Each structure stands twice: as C-alpha cells, then as structure tokens.
C-alpha cells in the first residue's frame, strides 16, 4: 500500500494508494484497520474517519477506501513505534499490559524453577 509518487527537484506529488508490495502484508494491514476501528477509536486516523464510517449513507466502496487509508497509516505508524521513533500512546493507541506474559528474568545457564 504505497502512494503513487511523481517528484522532481522541489516538486512532490503523492497520488492514490496503489497495490504495490506484498499482498499478505496488505491483507494484514486491512484486517488490522478493521480491528482498529472496532477496538481503538482513539487512534488518530480512526478518530479522523470514524464520523464518515459511521454515517449511514457512506457506501461500501467508500468504507473500504477509508479502511485502506487507515491500514496504510497504521503500517507507517507501526514502523515508527517498532523503530522507537515514537510511543504507541503518542499515536492514540492503547496498549494492554495484562496480555503480556510476565516471566521473571533468569540468567543464562541457570535451570528453570520447577512448575507449580
């Protein structure tokens, strides 16, 4: 999901999103965008487009177009989070620390404690 681009010298034009790139990644980003709309309404791109998505006269094609735009922005934002350029909370994403398994740190070479 890349924008078409035409640029030279000081001029830069970004056009519509094209279908270049890995189709599996595109699919995952679109599915993630649908989940973001459902579970992360405070995420900035979702908050921007939520009124249009919720409007009853918005067509199915327009909804899909908006979801692709949200998915593309999520891909960019996720890269920014993973490369430590920003925090997820700065983007309006909520994290749930309860779902992370809490394992105590153990030094290499030491045996694991017995299971209870």
PDB file of N, CA and C in Angstrom:
ATOM      1  N   UNK A   1       0.847  -1.169   0.000  1.00  0.00           N
ATOM      2  CA  UNK A   1       0.000   0.000   0.000  1.00  0.00           C
ATOM      3  C   UNK A   1       0.891   1.229   0.000  1.00  0.00           C
ATOM      4  N   UNK A   2       1.257   1.635  -1.174  1.00  0.00           N
ATOM      5  CA  UNK A   2       2.138   2.784  -1.329  1.00  0.00           C
ATOM      6  C   UNK A   2       1.413   3.853  -2.149  1.00  0.00           C
ATOM      7  N   UNK A   3       1.623   5.114  -1.818  1.00  0.00           N
ATOM      8  CA  UNK A   3       1.035   6.145  -2.671  1.00  0.00           C
ATOM      9  C   UNK A   3       1.839   6.263  -3.961  1.00  0.00           C
ATOM     10  N   UNK A   4       1.152   6.510  -5.032  1.00  0.00           N
ATOM     11  CA  UNK A   4       1.872   6.791  -6.276  1.00  0.00           C
ATOM     12  C   UNK A   4       2.562   8.122  -6.104  1.00  0.00           C
ATOM     13  N   UNK A   5       3.766   8.203  -6.619  1.00  0.00           N
ATOM     14  CA  UNK A   5       4.530   9.435  -6.405  1.00  0.00           C
ATOM     15  C   UNK A   5       5.146   9.910  -7.706  1.00  0.00           C
ATOM     16  N   UNK A   6       5.094  11.211  -7.877  1.00  0.00           N
ATOM     17  CA  UNK A   6       5.737  11.868  -9.004  1.00  0.00           C
ATOM     18  C   UNK A   6       6.492  13.046  -8.415  1.00  0.00           C
ATOM     19  N   UNK A   7       7.814  12.968  -8.440  1.00  0.00           N
ATOM     20  CA  UNK A   7       8.581  14.041  -7.815  1.00  0.00           C
ATOM     21  C   UNK A   7       9.836  14.333  -8.625  1.00  0.00           C
ATOM     22  N   UNK A   8      10.216  15.582  -8.591  1.00  0.00           N
ATOM     23  CA  UNK A   8      11.481  16.010  -9.167  1.00  0.00           C
ATOM     24  C   UNK A   8      11.827  17.361  -8.560  1.00  0.00           C
ATOM     25  N   UNK A   9      13.081  17.531  -8.233  1.00  0.00           N
ATOM     26  CA  UNK A   9      13.591  18.765  -7.615  1.00  0.00           C
ATOM     27  C   UNK A   9      12.750  19.142  -6.388  1.00  0.00           C
ATOM     28  N   UNK A  10      12.128  20.312  -6.393  1.00  0.00           N
ATOM     29  CA  UNK A  10      11.345  20.747  -5.236  1.00  0.00           C
ATOM     30  C   UNK A  10       9.866  20.329  -5.321  1.00  0.00           C
ATOM     31  N   UNK A  11       9.470  19.704  -6.402  1.00  0.00           N
ATOM     32  CA  UNK A  11       8.078  19.341  -6.592  1.00  0.00           C
ATOM     33  C   UNK A  11       7.858  17.883  -6.173  1.00  0.00           C
ATOM     34  N   UNK A  12       6.794  17.654  -5.384  1.00  0.00           N
ATOM     35  CA  UNK A  12       6.469  16.295  -4.950  1.00  0.00           C
ATOM     36  C   UNK A  12       4.959  16.119  -4.974  1.00  0.00           C
ATOM     37  N   UNK A  13       4.502  15.077  -5.667  1.00  0.00           N
ATOM     38  CA  UNK A  13       3.078  14.784  -5.730  1.00  0.00           C
ATOM     39  C   UNK A  13       2.859  13.345  -5.291  1.00  0.00           C
ATOM     40  N   UNK A  14       1.971  13.150  -4.318  1.00  0.00           N
ATOM     41  CA  UNK A  14       1.598  11.812  -3.906  1.00  0.00           C
ATOM     42  C   UNK A  14       0.166  11.561  -4.347  1.00  0.00           C
ATOM     43  N   UNK A  15      -0.011  10.517  -5.129  1.00  0.00           N
ATOM     44  CA  UNK A  15      -1.330  10.210  -5.665  1.00  0.00           C
ATOM     45  C   UNK A  15      -2.054   9.159  -4.854  1.00  0.00           C
ATOM     46  N   UNK A  16      -2.919   8.436  -5.523  1.00  0.00           N
ATOM     47  CA  UNK A  16      -3.737   7.411  -4.866  1.00  0.00           C
ATOM     48  C   UNK A  16      -2.872   6.240  -4.413  1.00  0.00           C
ATOM     49  N   UNK A  17      -3.383   5.484  -3.462  1.00  0.00           N
ATOM     50  CA  UNK A  17      -2.673   4.314  -2.957  1.00  0.00           C
ATOM     51  C   UNK A  17      -2.763   3.209  -4.003  1.00  0.00           C
ATOM     52  N   UNK A  18      -1.626   2.608  -4.322  1.00  0.00           N
ATOM     53  CA  UNK A  18      -1.586   1.545  -5.323  1.00  0.00           C
ATOM     54  C   UNK A  18      -1.469   0.190  -4.627  1.00  0.00           C
ATOM     55  N   UNK A  19      -1.546  -0.881  -5.394  1.00  0.00           N
ATOM     56  CA  UNK A  19      -1.480  -2.228  -4.834  1.00  0.00           C
ATOM     57  C   UNK A  19      -0.076  -2.819  -4.939  1.00  0.00           C
ATOM     58  N   UNK A  20       0.942  -1.988  -4.916  1.00  0.00           N
ATOM     59  CA  UNK A  20       2.306  -2.481  -4.950  1.00  0.00           C
ATOM     60  C   UNK A  20       2.653  -3.063  -3.594  1.00  0.00           C
ATOM     61  N   UNK A  21       3.585  -3.987  -3.576  1.00  0.00           N
ATOM     62  CA  UNK A  21       4.024  -4.566  -2.311  1.00  0.00           C
ATOM     63  C   UNK A  21       3.459  -5.956  -2.088  1.00  0.00           C
ATOM     64  N   UNK A  22       3.782  -6.480  -0.929  1.00  0.00           N
ATOM     65  CA  UNK A  22       3.414  -7.836  -0.555  1.00  0.00           C
ATOM     66  C   UNK A  22       1.902  -7.938  -0.310  1.00  0.00           C
ATOM     67  N   UNK A  23       1.194  -8.815  -1.031  1.00  0.00           N
ATOM     68  CA  UNK A  23      -0.250  -8.928  -0.846  1.00  0.00           C
ATOM     69  C   UNK A  23      -0.634  -9.420   0.556  1.00  0.00           C
ATOM     70  N   UNK A  24       0.203 -10.237   1.170  1.00  0.00           N
ATOM     71  CA  UNK A  24      -0.106 -10.713   2.520  1.00  0.00           C
ATOM     72  C   UNK A  24      -0.030  -9.580   3.536  1.00  0.00           C
ATOM     73  N   UNK A  25       0.961  -8.730   3.380  1.00  0.00           N
ATOM     74  CA  UNK A  25       1.079  -7.588   4.289  1.00  0.00           C
ATOM     75  C   UNK A  25      -0.097  -6.648   4.089  1.00  0.00           C
ATOM     76  N   UNK A  26      -0.485  -6.437   2.831  1.00  0.00           N
ATOM     77  CA  UNK A  26      -1.656  -5.589   2.561  1.00  0.00           C
ATOM     78  C   UNK A  26      -2.894  -6.149   3.252  1.00  0.00           C
ATOM     79  N   UNK A  27      -3.096  -7.460   3.143  1.00  0.00           N
ATOM     80  CA  UNK A  27      -4.254  -8.098   3.761  1.00  0.00           C
ATOM     81  C   UNK A  27      -4.230  -7.925   5.272  1.00  0.00           C
ATOM     82  N   UNK A  28      -3.077  -8.129   5.881  1.00  0.00           N
ATOM     83  CA  UNK A  28      -2.960  -7.992   7.335  1.00  0.00           C
ATOM     84  C   UNK A  28      -3.233  -6.551   7.754  1.00  0.00           C
ATOM     85  N   UNK A  29      -2.726  -5.582   7.006  1.00  0.00           N
ATOM     86  CA  UNK A  29      -2.952  -4.184   7.359  1.00  0.00           C
ATOM     87  C   UNK A  29      -4.424  -3.799   7.233  1.00  0.00           C
ATOM     88  N   UNK A  30      -5.097  -4.322   6.225  1.00  0.00           N
ATOM     89  CA  UNK A  30      -6.527  -4.025   6.069  1.00  0.00           C
ATOM     90  C   UNK A  30      -7.322  -4.665   7.208  1.00  0.00           C
ATOM     91  N   UNK A  31      -7.006  -5.907   7.547  1.00  0.00           N
ATOM     92  CA  UNK A  31      -7.694  -6.562   8.672  1.00  0.00           C
ATOM     93  C   UNK A  31      -7.415  -5.830   9.979  1.00  0.00           C
ATOM     94  N   UNK A  32      -6.167  -5.398  10.163  1.00  0.00           N
ATOM     95  CA  UNK A  32      -5.825  -4.637  11.371  1.00  0.00           C
ATOM     96  C   UNK A  32      -6.590  -3.322  11.421  1.00  0.00           C
ATOM     97  N   UNK A  33      -6.788  -2.703  10.271  1.00  0.00           N
ATOM     98  CA  UNK A  33      -7.533  -1.441  10.233  1.00  0.00           C
ATOM     99  C   UNK A  33      -8.984  -1.643  10.674  1.00  0.00           C
ATOM    100  N   UNK A  34      -9.604  -2.737  10.237  1.00  0.00           N
ATOM    101  CA  UNK A  34     -10.974  -3.019  10.681  1.00  0.00           C
ATOM    102  C   UNK A  34     -11.021  -3.212  12.195  1.00  0.00           C
ATOM    103  N   UNK A  35     -10.022  -3.901  12.752  1.00  0.00           N
ATOM    104  CA  UNK A  35      -9.975  -4.105  14.207  1.00  0.00           C
ATOM    105  C   UNK A  35      -9.696  -2.799  14.938  1.00  0.00           C
ATOM    106  N   UNK A  36      -8.870  -1.951  14.355  1.00  0.00           N
ATOM    107  CA  UNK A  36      -8.596  -0.645  14.964  1.00  0.00           C
ATOM    108  C   UNK A  36      -9.879   0.185  15.063  1.00  0.00           C
ATOM    109  N   UNK A  37     -10.687   0.146  14.030  1.00  0.00           N
ATOM    110  CA  UNK A  37     -11.946   0.888  14.046  1.00  0.00           C
ATOM    111  C   UNK A  37     -12.835   0.374  15.173  1.00  0.00           C
ATOM    112  N   UNK A  38     -12.815  -0.927  15.373  1.00  0.00           N
ATOM    113  CA  UNK A  38     -13.676  -1.529  16.382  1.00  0.00           C
ATOM    114  C   UNK A  38     -13.149  -1.329  17.799  1.00  0.00           C
ATOM    115  N   UNK A  39     -11.837  -1.495  18.011  1.00  0.00           N
ATOM    116  CA  UNK A  39     -11.290  -1.538  19.364  1.00  0.00           C
ATOM    117  C   UNK A  39     -10.419  -0.340  19.756  1.00  0.00           C
ATOM    118  N   UNK A  40      -9.999   0.475  18.804  1.00  0.00           N
ATOM    119  CA  UNK A  40      -9.118   1.606  19.104  1.00  0.00           C
ATOM    120  C   UNK A  40      -9.680   2.901  18.516  1.00  0.00           C
ATOM    121  N   UNK A  41     -10.834   3.357  18.969  1.00  0.00           N
ATOM    122  CA  UNK A  41     -11.425   4.567  18.380  1.00  0.00           C
ATOM    123  C   UNK A  41     -10.627   5.837  18.664  1.00  0.00           C
ATOM    124  N   UNK A  42      -9.669   5.791  19.592  1.00  0.00           N
ATOM    125  CA  UNK A  42      -8.868   6.985  19.881  1.00  0.00           C
ATOM    126  C   UNK A  42      -7.640   7.101  18.986  1.00  0.00           C
ATOM    127  N   UNK A  43      -7.351   6.074  18.198  1.00  0.00           N
ATOM    128  CA  UNK A  43      -6.223   6.132  17.264  1.00  0.00           C
ATOM    129  C   UNK A  43      -6.508   7.250  16.258  1.00  0.00           C
ATOM    130  N   UNK A  44      -5.550   8.120  16.044  1.00  0.00           N
ATOM    131  CA  UNK A  44      -5.786   9.365  15.293  1.00  0.00           C
ATOM    132  C   UNK A  44      -6.421   9.166  13.918  1.00  0.00           C
ATOM    133  N   UNK A  45      -5.911   8.274  13.053  1.00  0.00           N
ATOM    134  CA  UNK A  45      -6.587   8.096  11.764  1.00  0.00           C
ATOM    135  C   UNK A  45      -8.010   7.555  11.899  1.00  0.00           C
ATOM    136  N   UNK A  46      -8.245   6.705  12.882  1.00  0.00           N
ATOM    137  CA  UNK A  46      -9.602   6.182  13.092  1.00  0.00           C
ATOM    138  C   UNK A  46     -10.521   7.306  13.558  1.00  0.00           C
ATOM    139  N   UNK A  47     -10.038   8.109  14.506  1.00  0.00           N
ATOM    140  CA  UNK A  47     -10.849   9.217  15.009  1.00  0.00           C
ATOM    141  C   UNK A  47     -11.180  10.204  13.889  1.00  0.00           C
ATOM    142  N   UNK A  48     -10.235  10.380  12.963  1.00  0.00           N
ATOM    143  CA  UNK A  48     -10.458  11.297  11.847  1.00  0.00           C
ATOM    144  C   UNK A  48     -11.570  10.789  10.928  1.00  0.00           C
ATOM    145  N   UNK A  49     -11.579   9.485  10.639  1.00  0.00           N
ATOM    146  CA  UNK A  49     -12.508   8.920   9.670  1.00  0.00           C
ATOM    147  C   UNK A  49     -13.750   8.294  10.279  1.00  0.00           C
ATOM    148  N   UNK A  50     -13.824   8.169  11.596  1.00  0.00           N
ATOM    149  CA  UNK A  50     -14.959   7.499  12.228  1.00  0.00           C
ATOM    150  C   UNK A  50     -16.308   8.131  11.904  1.00  0.00           C
ATOM    151  N   UNK A  51     -16.431   9.473  11.887  1.00  0.00           N
ATOM    152  CA  UNK A  51     -17.739  10.036  11.523  1.00  0.00           C
ATOM    153  C   UNK A  51     -18.191   9.642  10.112  1.00  0.00           C
ATOM    154  N   UNK A  52     -17.260   9.565   9.185  1.00  0.00           N
ATOM    155  CA  UNK A  52     -17.617   9.181   7.813  1.00  0.00           C
ATOM    156  C   UNK A  52     -17.984   7.699   7.772  1.00  0.00           C
ATOM    157  N   UNK A  53     -17.218   6.859   8.489  1.00  0.00           N
ATOM    158  CA  UNK A  53     -17.512   5.428   8.513  1.00  0.00           C
ATOM    159  C   UNK A  53     -18.861   5.136   9.159  1.00  0.00           C
ATOM    160  N   UNK A  54     -19.214   5.920  10.172  1.00  0.00           N
ATOM    161  CA  UNK A  54     -20.464   5.687  10.906  1.00  0.00           C
ATOM    162  C   UNK A  54     -21.684   6.272  10.198  1.00  0.00           C
ATOM    163  N   UNK A  55     -21.455   7.128   9.225  1.00  0.00           N
ATOM    164  CA  UNK A  55     -22.581   7.763   8.530  1.00  0.00           C
ATOM    165  C   UNK A  55     -23.339   6.710   7.726  1.00  0.00           C
ATOM    166  N   UNK A  56     -24.653   6.665   7.844  1.00  0.00           N
ATOM    167  CA  UNK A  56     -25.416   5.614   7.160  1.00  0.00           C
ATOM    168  C   UNK A  56     -25.394   5.699   5.636  1.00  0.00           C
ATOM    169  N   UNK A  57     -25.125   6.857   5.075  1.00  0.00           N
ATOM    170  CA  UNK A  57     -25.130   6.988   3.611  1.00  0.00           C
ATOM    171  C   UNK A  57     -23.763   6.742   2.974  1.00  0.00           C
ATOM    172  N   UNK A  58     -22.761   6.409   3.790  1.00  0.00           N
ATOM    173  CA  UNK A  58     -21.446   6.097   3.237  1.00  0.00           C
ATOM    174  C   UNK A  58     -21.522   4.742   2.536  1.00  0.00           C
ATOM    175  N   UNK A  59     -21.070   4.707   1.293  1.00  0.00           N
ATOM    176  CA  UNK A  59     -21.162   3.470   0.514  1.00  0.00           C
ATOM    177  C   UNK A  59     -20.117   2.462   0.975  1.00  0.00           C
ATOM    178  N   UNK A  60     -20.338   1.206   0.607  1.00  0.00           N
ATOM    179  CA  UNK A  60     -19.399   0.140   0.952  1.00  0.00           C
ATOM    180  C   UNK A  60     -18.029   0.399   0.326  1.00  0.00           C
ATOM    181  N   UNK A  61     -18.010   0.874  -0.909  1.00  0.00           N
ATOM    182  CA  UNK A  61     -16.748   1.159  -1.586  1.00  0.00           C
ATOM    183  C   UNK A  61     -15.978   2.268  -0.867  1.00  0.00           C
ATOM    184  N   UNK A  62     -16.681   3.283  -0.420  1.00  0.00           N
ATOM    185  CA  UNK A  62     -16.021   4.382   0.299  1.00  0.00           C
ATOM    186  C   UNK A  62     -15.474   3.897   1.638  1.00  0.00           C
ATOM    187  N   UNK A  63     -16.234   3.020   2.322  1.00  0.00           N
ATOM    188  CA  UNK A  63     -15.750   2.460   3.591  1.00  0.00           C
ATOM    189  C   UNK A  63     -14.461   1.668   3.376  1.00  0.00           C
ATOM    190  N   UNK A  64     -14.430   0.874   2.313  1.00  0.00           N
ATOM    191  CA  UNK A  64     -13.231   0.089   2.013  1.00  0.00           C
ATOM    192  C   UNK A  64     -12.048   1.002   1.701  1.00  0.00           C
ATOM    193  N   UNK A  65     -12.315   2.065   0.968  1.00  0.00           N
ATOM    194  CA  UNK A  65     -11.255   3.025   0.639  1.00  0.00           C
ATOM    195  C   UNK A  65     -10.700   3.662   1.911  1.00  0.00           C
ATOM    196  N   UNK A  66     -11.571   4.019   2.840  1.00  0.00           N
ATOM    197  CA  UNK A  66     -11.144   4.623   4.097  1.00  0.00           C
ATOM    198  C   UNK A  66     -10.348   3.616   4.919  1.00  0.00           C
ATOM    199  N   UNK A  67     -10.773   2.360   4.932  1.00  0.00           N
ATOM    200  CA  UNK A  67     -10.054   1.331   5.690  1.00  0.00           C
ATOM    201  C   UNK A  67      -8.658   1.126   5.125  1.00  0.00           C
ATOM    202  N   UNK A  68      -8.506   1.161   3.809  1.00  0.00           N
ATOM    203  CA  UNK A  68      -7.178   1.035   3.203  1.00  0.00           C
ATOM    204  C   UNK A  68      -6.302   2.215   3.623  1.00  0.00           C
ATOM    205  N   UNK A  69      -6.876   3.406   3.671  1.00  0.00           N
ATOM    206  CA  UNK A  69      -6.110   4.577   4.109  1.00  0.00           C
ATOM    207  C   UNK A  69      -5.688   4.435   5.571  1.00  0.00           C
ATOM    208  N   UNK A  70      -6.583   3.939   6.425  1.00  0.00           N
ATOM    209  CA  UNK A  70      -6.244   3.725   7.834  1.00  0.00           C
ATOM    210  C   UNK A  70      -5.171   2.644   7.950  1.00  0.00           C
ATOM    211  N   UNK A  71      -5.295   1.572   7.169  1.00  0.00           N
ATOM    212  CA  UNK A  71      -4.307   0.500   7.187  1.00  0.00           C
ATOM    213  C   UNK A  71      -2.938   0.972   6.759  1.00  0.00           C
ATOM    214  N   UNK A  72      -2.885   1.804   5.736  1.00  0.00           N
ATOM    215  CA  UNK A  72      -1.600   2.342   5.294  1.00  0.00           C
ATOM    216  C   UNK A  72      -0.972   3.194   6.382  1.00  0.00           C
ATOM    217  N   UNK A  73      -1.764   4.069   6.992  1.00  0.00           N
ATOM    218  CA  UNK A  73      -1.225   4.921   8.056  1.00  0.00           C
ATOM    219  C   UNK A  73      -0.790   4.078   9.260  1.00  0.00           C
ATOM    220  N   UNK A  74      -1.527   3.005   9.550  1.00  0.00           N
ATOM    221  CA  UNK A  74      -1.145   2.133  10.647  1.00  0.00           C
ATOM    222  C   UNK A  74       0.190   1.459  10.356  1.00  0.00           C
ATOM    223  N   UNK A  75       0.407   1.041   9.116  1.00  0.00           N
ATOM    224  CA  UNK A  75       1.693   0.445   8.742  1.00  0.00           C
ATOM    225  C   UNK A  75       2.852   1.415   8.969  1.00  0.00           C
ATOM    226  N   UNK A  76       2.645   2.657   8.583  1.00  0.00           N
ATOM    227  CA  UNK A  76       3.677   3.691   8.795  1.00  0.00           C
ATOM    228  C   UNK A  76       3.883   3.916  10.293  1.00  0.00           C
ATOM    229  N   UNK A  77       2.781   4.043  11.037  1.00  0.00           N
ATOM    230  CA  UNK A  77       2.884   4.300  12.470  1.00  0.00           C
ATOM    231  C   UNK A  77       3.495   3.122  13.213  1.00  0.00           C
ATOM    232  N   UNK A  78       3.144   1.895  12.819  1.00  0.00           N
ATOM    233  CA  UNK A  78       3.706   0.725  13.470  1.00  0.00           C
ATOM    234  C   UNK A  78       5.217   0.672  13.258  1.00  0.00           C
ATOM    235  N   UNK A  79       5.666   1.037  12.053  1.00  0.00           N
ATOM    236  CA  UNK A  79       7.106   1.103  11.788  1.00  0.00           C
ATOM    237  C   UNK A  79       7.748   2.139  12.705  1.00  0.00           C
ATOM    238  N   UNK A  80       7.092   3.281  12.899  1.00  0.00           N
ATOM    239  CA  UNK A  80       7.630   4.320  13.779  1.00  0.00           C
ATOM    240  C   UNK A  80       7.727   3.830  15.216  1.00  0.00           C
ATOM    241  N   UNK A  81       6.740   3.068  15.672  1.00  0.00           N
ATOM    242  CA  UNK A  81       6.772   2.530  17.040  1.00  0.00           C
ATOM    243  C   UNK A  81       7.874   1.477  17.168  1.00  0.00           C
ATOM    244  N   UNK A  82       7.951   0.573  16.206  1.00  0.00           N
ATOM    245  CA  UNK A  82       8.940  -0.513  16.279  1.00  0.00           C
ATOM    246  C   UNK A  82      10.367  -0.008  16.155  1.00  0.00           C
ATOM    247  N   UNK A  83      10.597   1.091  15.477  1.00  0.00           N
ATOM    248  CA  UNK A  83      11.945   1.658  15.360  1.00  0.00           C
ATOM    249  C   UNK A  83      12.204   2.700  16.442  1.00  0.00           C
ATOM    250  N   UNK A  84      11.295   2.780  17.408  1.00  0.00           N
ATOM    251  CA  UNK A  84      11.421   3.652  18.580  1.00  0.00           C
ATOM    252  C   UNK A  84      11.492   5.133  18.230  1.00  0.00           C
ATOM    253  N   UNK A  85      10.805   5.520  17.195  1.00  0.00           N
ATOM    254  CA  UNK A  85      10.726   6.930  16.836  1.00  0.00           C
ATOM    255  C   UNK A  85       9.603   7.633  17.601  1.00  0.00           C
ATOM    256  N   UNK A  86       8.652   6.851  18.122  1.00  0.00           N
ATOM    257  CA  UNK A  86       7.576   7.397  18.940  1.00  0.00           C
ATOM    258  C   UNK A  86       6.984   6.286  19.784  1.00  0.00           C
ATOM    259  N   UNK A  87       6.114   6.646  20.684  1.00  0.00           N
ATOM    260  CA  UNK A  87       5.421   5.691  21.546  1.00  0.00           C
ATOM    261  C   UNK A  87       4.017   5.440  20.979  1.00  0.00           C
ATOM    262  N   UNK A  88       3.483   4.274  21.256  1.00  0.00           N
ATOM    263  CA  UNK A  88       2.131   3.942  20.785  1.00  0.00           C
ATOM    264  C   UNK A  88       1.107   4.908  21.364  1.00  0.00           C
ATOM    265  N   UNK A  89       1.296   5.310  22.611  1.00  0.00           N
ATOM    266  CA  UNK A  89       0.352   6.230  23.250  1.00  0.00           C
ATOM    267  C   UNK A  89       0.343   7.595  22.561  1.00  0.00           C
ATOM    268  N   UNK A  90       1.467   8.002  21.989  1.00  0.00           N
ATOM    269  CA  UNK A  90       1.533   9.287  21.274  1.00  0.00           C
ATOM    270  C   UNK A  90       0.623   9.282  20.047  1.00  0.00           C
ATOM    271  N   UNK A  91       0.361   8.108  19.512  1.00  0.00           N
ATOM    272  CA  UNK A  91      -0.473   7.975  18.316  1.00  0.00           C
ATOM    273  C   UNK A  91      -1.941   7.745  18.651  1.00  0.00           C
ATOM    274  N   UNK A  92      -2.246   7.632  19.936  1.00  0.00           N
ATOM    275  CA  UNK A  92      -3.614   7.379  20.354  1.00  0.00           C
ATOM    276  C   UNK A  92      -3.932   5.905  20.478  1.00  0.00           C
ATOM    277  N   UNK A  93      -2.910   5.045  20.430  1.00  0.00           N
ATOM    278  CA  UNK A  93      -3.123   3.608  20.577  1.00  0.00           C
ATOM    279  C   UNK A  93      -3.047   3.222  22.046  1.00  0.00           C
ATOM    280  N   UNK A  94      -3.993   2.400  22.465  1.00  0.00           N
ATOM    281  CA  UNK A  94      -3.993   1.904  23.832  1.00  0.00           C
ATOM    282  C   UNK A  94      -3.307   0.549  23.841  1.00  0.00           C
ATOM    283  N   UNK A  95      -2.443   0.324  24.814  1.00  0.00           N
ATOM    284  CA  UNK A  95      -1.813  -0.985  24.968  1.00  0.00           C
ATOM    285  C   UNK A  95      -2.411  -1.660  26.176  1.00  0.00           C
ATOM    286  N   UNK A  96      -2.415  -2.964  26.163  1.00  0.00           N
ATOM    287  CA  UNK A  96      -2.994  -3.732  27.256  1.00  0.00           C
ATOM    288  C   UNK A  96      -1.911  -4.594  27.871  1.00  0.00           C
ATOM    289  N   UNK A  97      -1.292  -4.138  28.961  1.00  0.00           N
ATOM    290  CA  UNK A  97      -0.196  -4.911  29.547  1.00  0.00           C
ATOM    291  C   UNK A  97      -0.649  -6.215  30.192  1.00  0.00           C
ATOM    292  N   UNK A  98      -1.944  -6.405  30.420  1.00  0.00           N
ATOM    293  CA  UNK A  98      -2.411  -7.641  31.048  1.00  0.00           C
ATOM    294  C   UNK A  98      -2.164  -8.852  30.166  1.00  0.00           C
ATOM    295  N   UNK A  99      -2.126  -8.675  28.861  1.00  0.00           N
ATOM    296  CA  UNK A  99      -1.978  -9.814  27.962  1.00  0.00           C
ATOM    297  C   UNK A  99      -0.537 -10.210  27.728  1.00  0.00           C
ATOM    298  N   UNK A 100       0.391  -9.482  28.267  1.00  0.00           N
ATOM    299  CA  UNK A 100       1.797  -9.848  28.116  1.00  0.00           C
ATOM    300  C   UNK A 100       2.157 -10.839  29.210  1.00  0.00           C
ATOM    301  N   UNK A 101       2.747 -11.944  28.844  1.00  0.00           N
ATOM    302  CA  UNK A 101       3.129 -12.901  29.882  1.00  0.00           C
ATOM    303  C   UNK A 101       4.257 -12.325  30.728  1.00  0.00           C
ATOM    304  N   UNK A 102       4.099 -12.409  32.027  1.00  0.00           N
ATOM    305  CA  UNK A 102       5.141 -11.878  32.907  1.00  0.00           C
ATOM    306  C   UNK A 102       5.999 -13.042  33.385  1.00  0.00           C
ATOM    307  N   UNK A 103       7.183 -13.127  32.811  1.00  0.00           N
ATOM    308  CA  UNK A 103       8.121 -14.163  33.208  1.00  0.00           C
ATOM    309  C   UNK A 103       9.290 -13.487  33.905  1.00  0.00           C
ATOM    310  N   UNK A 104       9.706 -14.015  35.023  1.00  0.00           N
ATOM    311  CA  UNK A 104      10.852 -13.406  35.692  1.00  0.00           C
ATOM    312  C   UNK A 104      12.115 -13.606  34.862  1.00  0.00           C
ATOM    313  N   UNK A 105      12.988 -12.645  34.936  1.00  0.00           N
ATOM    314  CA  UNK A 105      14.253 -12.717  34.205  1.00  0.00           C
ATOM    315  C   UNK A 105      15.125 -13.790  34.842  1.00  0.00           C
ATOM    316  N   UNK A 106      15.712 -14.642  34.037  1.00  0.00           N
ATOM    317  CA  UNK A 106      16.649 -15.633  34.571  1.00  0.00           C
ATOM    318  C   UNK A 106      17.944 -15.529  33.784  1.00  0.00           C
ATOM    319  N   UNK A 107      19.013 -15.791  34.458  1.00  0.00           N
ATOM    320  CA  UNK A 107      20.320 -15.706  33.823  1.00  0.00           C
ATOM    321  C   UNK A 107      20.564 -16.938  32.970  1.00  0.00           C
ATOM    322  N   UNK A 108      21.294 -16.768  31.857  1.00  0.00           N
ATOM    323  CA  UNK A 108      21.586 -17.928  31.002  1.00  0.00           C
ATOM    324  C   UNK A 108      22.403 -18.964  31.770  1.00  0.00           C
ATOM    325  N   UNK A 109      22.104 -20.214  31.544  1.00  0.00           N
ATOM    326  CA  UNK A 109      22.844 -21.290  32.191  1.00  0.00           C
ATOM    327  C   UNK A 109      22.230 -21.764  33.492  1.00  0.00           C
ATOM    328  N   UNK A 110      21.359 -20.983  34.080  1.00  0.00           N
ATOM    329  CA  UNK A 110      20.699 -21.395  35.316  1.00  0.00           C
ATOM    330  C   UNK A 110      19.451 -22.196  34.966  1.00  0.00           C
ATOM    331  N   UNK A 111      19.154 -23.231  35.761  1.00  0.00           N
ATOM    332  CA  UNK A 111      17.954 -24.026  35.461  1.00  0.00           C
ATOM    333  C   UNK A 111      16.680 -23.246  35.769  1.00  0.00           C
ATOM    334  N   UNK A 112      15.616 -23.663  35.098  1.00  0.00           N
ATOM    335  CA  UNK A 112      14.318 -23.026  35.339  1.00  0.00           C
ATOM    336  C   UNK A 112      13.775 -23.493  36.681  1.00  0.00           C
ATOM    337  N   UNK A 113      13.028 -22.632  37.348  1.00  0.00           N
ATOM    338  CA  UNK A 113      12.400 -23.084  38.594  1.00  0.00           C
ATOM    339  C   UNK A 113      11.312 -24.113  38.288  1.00  0.00           C
ATOM    340  N   UNK A 114      11.031 -25.012  39.216  1.00  0.00           N
ATOM    341  CA  UNK A 114      10.019 -26.043  38.950  1.00  0.00           C
ATOM    342  C   UNK A 114       8.639 -25.440  38.782  1.00  0.00           C
ATOM    343  N   UNK A 115       7.830 -26.052  37.921  1.00  0.00           N
ATOM    344  CA  UNK A 115       6.442 -25.610  37.686  1.00  0.00           C
ATOM    345  C   UNK A 115       5.605 -25.986  38.889  1.00  0.00           C
ATOM    346  N   UNK A 116       4.623 -25.202  39.193  1.00  0.00           N
ATOM    347  CA  UNK A 116       3.735 -25.490  40.327  1.00  0.00           C
ATOM    348  C   UNK A 116       2.459 -26.093  39.863  1.00  0.00           C
TER     349      UNK A 116
END
